[in-house]
N, C-alpha and C. Protein backbone atom coordinates (compact mmCIF):
# COMPACT_ATOMS: atom_id res chain seq x y z
N MET A 1 87.79 71.77 72.67
CA MET A 1 87.85 71.86 74.27
C MET A 1 89.23 71.40 74.66
N TYR A 2 89.81 72.05 75.47
CA TYR A 2 90.89 71.11 76.32
C TYR A 2 90.19 70.37 77.30
N SER A 3 91.13 69.42 77.94
CA SER A 3 90.47 68.14 78.84
C SER A 3 90.43 69.26 80.26
N LYS A 4 89.54 68.56 80.99
CA LYS A 4 89.66 69.21 82.62
C LYS A 4 90.94 68.65 83.25
N GLU A 5 91.64 67.81 82.97
CA GLU A 5 92.86 67.83 83.32
C GLU A 5 94.02 69.01 82.97
N LEU A 6 93.98 69.23 82.00
CA LEU A 6 94.83 70.39 81.29
C LEU A 6 94.40 71.74 82.12
N THR A 7 93.06 72.02 82.00
CA THR A 7 92.62 73.37 82.56
C THR A 7 92.76 73.56 84.44
N LYS A 8 92.53 72.52 84.86
CA LYS A 8 92.17 72.51 86.31
C LYS A 8 92.95 73.56 86.97
N GLY A 9 94.27 73.38 86.56
CA GLY A 9 95.12 74.58 87.50
C GLY A 9 94.97 75.80 87.23
N THR A 10 94.51 76.29 86.14
CA THR A 10 94.28 77.38 85.42
C THR A 10 92.77 78.23 85.82
N LEU A 11 91.89 77.18 86.28
CA LEU A 11 90.70 77.86 86.34
C LEU A 11 90.89 79.10 87.40
N GLN A 12 91.18 79.12 88.49
CA GLN A 12 91.31 79.97 89.43
C GLN A 12 91.86 81.23 89.04
N PRO A 13 93.09 81.44 88.57
CA PRO A 13 93.35 82.50 87.85
C PRO A 13 92.78 83.08 86.62
N ILE A 14 92.18 82.09 85.77
CA ILE A 14 91.51 82.47 84.81
C ILE A 14 90.12 83.67 85.29
N ILE A 15 89.72 82.93 86.40
CA ILE A 15 88.39 83.51 86.99
C ILE A 15 88.63 84.88 87.68
N LEU A 16 89.87 84.85 88.45
CA LEU A 16 90.40 86.04 89.05
C LEU A 16 90.53 87.25 87.92
N LYS A 17 91.57 86.87 87.13
CA LYS A 17 91.81 87.71 85.86
C LYS A 17 90.45 88.53 85.56
N LEU A 18 89.69 87.51 85.16
CA LEU A 18 88.48 87.92 84.37
C LEU A 18 87.63 89.06 85.32
N LEU A 19 87.39 88.64 86.77
CA LEU A 19 86.65 89.30 87.77
C LEU A 19 87.52 90.87 87.85
N SER A 20 88.79 90.82 87.74
CA SER A 20 89.45 92.26 87.98
C SER A 20 89.45 92.98 86.84
N GLN A 21 88.73 92.57 85.55
CA GLN A 21 88.66 92.91 84.34
C GLN A 21 87.00 93.66 84.25
N HIS A 22 86.30 93.37 85.29
CA HIS A 22 84.88 93.76 85.49
C HIS A 22 84.56 94.25 86.72
N GLU A 23 83.59 95.01 86.85
CA GLU A 23 83.05 95.84 88.43
C GLU A 23 82.76 94.60 88.98
N LYS A 24 81.88 93.81 88.54
CA LYS A 24 81.11 92.61 89.15
C LYS A 24 80.61 91.73 88.08
N MET A 25 80.46 90.23 88.51
CA MET A 25 80.04 89.20 87.46
C MET A 25 79.24 88.12 88.71
N TYR A 26 78.37 87.40 87.98
CA TYR A 26 77.86 86.79 88.43
C TYR A 26 78.26 84.94 87.79
N GLY A 27 78.11 83.99 88.35
CA GLY A 27 78.47 82.80 88.33
C GLY A 27 78.23 82.38 86.60
N TYR A 28 77.11 82.23 86.00
CA TYR A 28 76.56 82.06 84.73
C TYR A 28 77.45 82.78 83.53
N GLU A 29 77.56 84.22 84.18
CA GLU A 29 78.44 85.12 83.20
C GLU A 29 79.85 85.09 83.22
N ILE A 30 80.19 84.44 84.32
CA ILE A 30 81.82 84.24 84.03
C ILE A 30 81.97 83.20 83.16
N THR A 31 81.12 81.74 83.62
CA THR A 31 81.20 81.10 82.58
C THR A 31 81.43 81.08 80.97
N GLN A 32 80.05 82.03 80.70
CA GLN A 32 79.90 82.29 79.44
C GLN A 32 81.02 83.29 78.89
N LYS A 33 81.61 83.94 79.66
CA LYS A 33 82.73 85.09 79.27
C LYS A 33 83.84 84.46 78.68
N VAL A 34 84.45 83.28 79.87
CA VAL A 34 85.31 82.47 79.42
C VAL A 34 85.21 81.55 78.26
N LYS A 35 84.03 81.26 78.09
CA LYS A 35 83.82 80.24 76.82
C LYS A 35 84.00 81.51 75.55
N ASP A 36 83.40 82.77 75.76
CA ASP A 36 83.40 83.47 74.46
C ASP A 36 84.73 83.91 74.25
N LEU A 37 85.40 84.33 75.28
CA LEU A 37 86.92 84.65 75.14
C LEU A 37 87.74 83.72 74.45
N THR A 38 87.40 82.22 74.89
CA THR A 38 88.27 81.41 74.41
C THR A 38 87.86 80.52 73.15
N LYS A 39 87.03 81.10 72.28
CA LYS A 39 86.04 80.67 71.40
C LYS A 39 85.73 79.26 71.73
N GLY A 40 84.97 78.75 73.20
CA GLY A 40 84.62 77.53 73.34
C GLY A 40 85.86 76.57 73.79
N LYS A 41 86.88 76.77 73.77
CA LYS A 41 88.40 75.98 73.98
C LYS A 41 88.12 75.73 75.59
N ILE A 42 87.62 76.58 76.32
CA ILE A 42 87.52 76.51 78.06
C ILE A 42 86.47 76.63 78.16
N ASP A 43 85.47 75.60 78.83
CA ASP A 43 84.44 75.49 79.19
C ASP A 43 84.41 75.10 80.86
N ILE A 44 83.96 76.22 81.83
CA ILE A 44 84.13 76.09 83.15
C ILE A 44 82.74 75.64 83.78
N SER A 45 82.54 74.20 84.21
CA SER A 45 81.30 73.77 84.56
C SER A 45 80.97 74.43 86.01
N GLU A 46 79.52 74.26 86.42
CA GLU A 46 79.40 74.84 87.48
C GLU A 46 80.09 74.07 88.95
N GLY A 47 79.97 72.87 88.48
CA GLY A 47 80.86 72.18 89.73
C GLY A 47 82.19 72.34 89.90
N ALA A 48 82.68 73.19 88.64
CA ALA A 48 84.18 73.59 89.05
C ALA A 48 84.18 75.26 89.52
N LEU A 49 83.48 75.82 88.97
CA LEU A 49 83.42 76.95 89.11
C LEU A 49 82.69 77.91 90.70
N TYR A 50 81.72 76.81 91.46
CA TYR A 50 81.42 77.75 92.62
C TYR A 50 82.39 77.25 93.76
N PRO A 51 82.94 75.83 93.57
CA PRO A 51 83.66 75.54 94.80
C PRO A 51 85.10 76.78 94.85
N ILE A 52 85.42 77.04 93.90
CA ILE A 52 86.69 78.07 93.50
C ILE A 52 86.18 79.53 94.04
N LEU A 53 84.94 79.50 93.63
CA LEU A 53 84.15 81.11 94.07
C LEU A 53 83.89 81.37 95.49
N HIS A 54 83.57 80.18 96.41
CA HIS A 54 83.31 80.17 97.52
C HIS A 54 84.87 80.08 98.37
N LYS A 55 85.66 79.54 97.85
CA LYS A 55 86.82 79.47 98.31
C LYS A 55 87.60 81.10 98.41
N LEU A 56 87.52 81.28 97.39
CA LEU A 56 88.15 82.87 97.29
C LEU A 56 87.06 83.72 98.01
N GLU A 57 85.90 83.70 98.15
CA GLU A 57 85.18 84.57 99.25
C GLU A 57 85.85 84.02 100.39
N ASN A 58 85.75 82.99 100.90
CA ASN A 58 86.00 82.78 102.37
C ASN A 58 87.51 83.13 102.73
N ASN A 59 88.35 83.26 101.69
CA ASN A 59 89.44 83.72 101.98
C ASN A 59 89.54 85.18 101.83
N LYS A 60 88.44 85.79 101.46
CA LYS A 60 88.60 87.44 101.49
C LYS A 60 89.05 88.11 99.97
N VAL A 61 89.05 87.30 99.29
CA VAL A 61 89.81 87.71 97.79
C VAL A 61 88.47 88.35 97.17
N LEU A 62 87.25 87.67 97.27
CA LEU A 62 86.06 88.08 96.59
C LEU A 62 85.15 88.38 97.60
N LYS A 63 84.53 89.30 97.31
CA LYS A 63 82.94 89.76 98.00
C LYS A 63 81.73 89.52 97.08
N THR A 64 80.63 89.44 97.92
CA THR A 64 79.64 89.07 97.28
C THR A 64 78.46 90.01 97.48
N GLU A 65 77.28 90.18 96.47
CA GLU A 65 76.38 91.07 96.78
C GLU A 65 75.14 90.51 96.01
N LYS A 66 73.77 90.46 96.85
CA LYS A 66 72.98 89.53 96.28
C LYS A 66 72.06 90.75 95.92
N VAL A 67 71.43 90.61 94.51
CA VAL A 67 70.49 91.22 93.90
C VAL A 67 69.37 90.20 93.29
N TYR A 68 68.08 91.08 94.08
CA TYR A 68 67.13 90.52 93.54
C TYR A 68 66.57 90.63 92.42
N ILE A 69 66.08 89.64 91.45
CA ILE A 69 65.39 89.83 90.13
C ILE A 69 64.21 89.30 90.18
N GLY A 70 63.30 90.04 90.28
CA GLY A 70 61.86 89.28 90.50
C GLY A 70 61.67 88.37 91.94
N LYS A 71 61.73 87.26 91.85
CA LYS A 71 61.70 86.17 93.05
C LYS A 71 62.96 85.72 92.83
N ARG A 72 64.09 85.96 92.09
CA ARG A 72 65.13 85.08 92.04
C ARG A 72 66.11 85.98 92.59
N VAL A 73 67.27 85.50 93.21
CA VAL A 73 68.36 86.00 93.94
C VAL A 73 69.46 85.71 92.88
N ARG A 74 70.43 86.73 92.52
CA ARG A 74 71.23 86.66 91.76
C ARG A 74 72.79 87.10 92.54
N LYS A 75 73.81 86.26 92.73
CA LYS A 75 74.86 86.67 93.49
C LYS A 75 76.07 87.00 92.78
N TYR A 76 76.18 88.52 92.68
CA TYR A 76 77.76 88.98 91.90
C TYR A 76 78.82 88.98 93.01
N TYR A 77 79.97 88.47 92.04
CA TYR A 77 81.09 88.48 92.83
C TYR A 77 82.06 89.77 92.42
N SER A 78 82.59 90.15 93.40
CA SER A 78 83.73 91.40 92.69
C SER A 78 84.98 90.99 93.63
N VAL A 79 86.06 91.80 93.37
CA VAL A 79 87.32 91.77 93.94
C VAL A 79 87.45 92.45 95.24
N THR A 80 87.98 91.92 96.19
CA THR A 80 88.32 93.05 97.23
C THR A 80 89.43 93.65 97.06
N LYS A 81 89.74 94.74 97.90
CA LYS A 81 90.98 95.74 97.92
C LYS A 81 92.37 94.47 98.25
N SER A 82 92.24 93.66 98.85
CA SER A 82 93.21 92.75 99.29
C SER A 82 93.51 91.57 98.04
N GLY A 83 92.22 91.48 97.60
CA GLY A 83 92.28 90.40 96.52
C GLY A 83 93.04 90.86 95.29
N LYS A 84 93.20 92.52 95.10
CA LYS A 84 93.96 92.68 93.79
C LYS A 84 95.17 92.56 93.92
N GLN A 85 95.80 91.96 95.12
CA GLN A 85 97.10 91.89 95.10
C GLN A 85 97.29 90.36 94.86
N VAL A 86 96.37 89.54 95.20
CA VAL A 86 96.18 88.14 95.13
C VAL A 86 96.47 88.02 93.74
N ILE A 87 95.31 88.77 92.67
CA ILE A 87 95.00 88.41 91.33
C ILE A 87 96.62 89.03 90.69
N ALA A 88 97.21 90.04 91.20
CA ALA A 88 98.68 90.61 90.60
C ALA A 88 99.54 89.50 90.90
N ASP A 89 99.64 88.70 92.10
CA ASP A 89 100.77 87.35 92.40
C ASP A 89 100.11 86.25 91.12
N GLN A 90 98.99 86.07 91.12
CA GLN A 90 98.75 84.78 90.07
C GLN A 90 98.77 85.18 88.82
N THR A 91 98.52 86.61 88.44
CA THR A 91 98.99 86.73 87.01
C THR A 91 100.56 86.75 86.69
N ASN A 92 101.36 87.24 87.57
CA ASN A 92 102.72 87.09 87.46
C ASN A 92 102.84 85.75 87.68
N GLN A 93 102.44 84.81 88.34
CA GLN A 93 102.76 83.62 88.24
C GLN A 93 102.55 82.52 87.25
N ILE A 94 101.34 82.95 86.57
CA ILE A 94 100.61 82.30 85.44
C ILE A 94 101.64 82.46 84.26
N ASN A 95 101.91 83.73 84.20
CA ASN A 95 102.56 84.64 82.93
C ASN A 95 104.15 83.72 82.98
N ASP A 96 104.47 83.49 84.17
CA ASP A 96 105.92 82.86 84.25
C ASP A 96 105.92 81.20 84.20
N PHE A 97 104.83 80.76 84.48
CA PHE A 97 104.55 79.21 84.09
C PHE A 97 104.43 79.08 82.64
N ILE A 98 103.88 80.00 82.10
CA ILE A 98 103.43 80.03 80.58
C ILE A 98 105.25 80.01 79.63
N LYS A 99 105.84 80.88 80.41
CA LYS A 99 107.24 81.32 79.68
C LYS A 99 107.68 79.72 80.12
N THR A 100 107.73 79.23 81.16
CA THR A 100 108.44 78.21 81.58
C THR A 100 108.26 76.92 80.67
N LEU A 101 106.86 76.81 80.05
CA LEU A 101 106.47 75.68 79.56
C LEU A 101 106.57 75.83 77.98
N SER A 102 107.00 77.19 77.51
CA SER A 102 107.49 77.43 76.26
C SER A 102 108.91 76.73 76.23
N LEU A 103 109.73 76.72 76.99
CA LEU A 103 110.87 76.19 77.06
C LEU A 103 110.85 74.57 76.71
N ILE A 104 109.73 74.23 77.22
CA ILE A 104 109.70 72.61 77.00
C ILE A 104 109.27 72.41 75.37
N PHE A 105 108.02 73.12 75.16
CA PHE A 105 107.17 72.89 74.40
C PHE A 105 107.62 73.37 72.88
N ASN A 106 108.44 74.66 72.81
CA ASN A 106 108.87 75.59 71.78
C ASN A 106 110.37 75.87 72.10
N PRO A 107 111.13 74.87 72.24
CA PRO A 107 112.30 75.09 72.54
C PRO A 107 113.01 76.11 71.26
N LYS A 108 113.95 77.02 71.73
CA LYS A 108 114.76 77.71 70.63
C LYS A 108 115.95 76.54 69.95
N PRO A 109 116.03 76.76 68.82
CA PRO A 109 116.91 75.87 67.92
C PRO A 109 118.44 75.93 68.65
N THR A 110 118.87 75.26 68.66
CA THR A 110 120.60 75.44 68.93
C THR A 110 121.22 75.39 67.93
N LEU A 111 122.64 76.39 67.99
CA LEU A 111 123.35 76.54 66.94
C LEU A 111 124.29 75.26 66.94
N LYS A 112 124.80 74.78 65.62
CA LYS A 112 125.58 73.68 65.52
C LYS A 112 126.83 74.14 64.85
């Protein structure tokens, strides 16, 4: 599992990308999907997840829908129309960041 310091800056783009690939998801489902896709290397805690989801909801990137399951309420998150552009921008930015990191961590050998 990666350290929280290493993953902290990537959690929002990860969550947004995942939500863009599904019609709607609830919090626990998001954490489990990330864990499954990364084979347990990225584990998003509830303490990290919900502040990000609430911020994105307040910024109109995500919308919510409450579904009652018996006596419990499950809050589903989905991407708004304006949120789709935010996801595209963040996806481009994170991909560029990964390329930039590879210049440092995987430099091409120089010809001598």
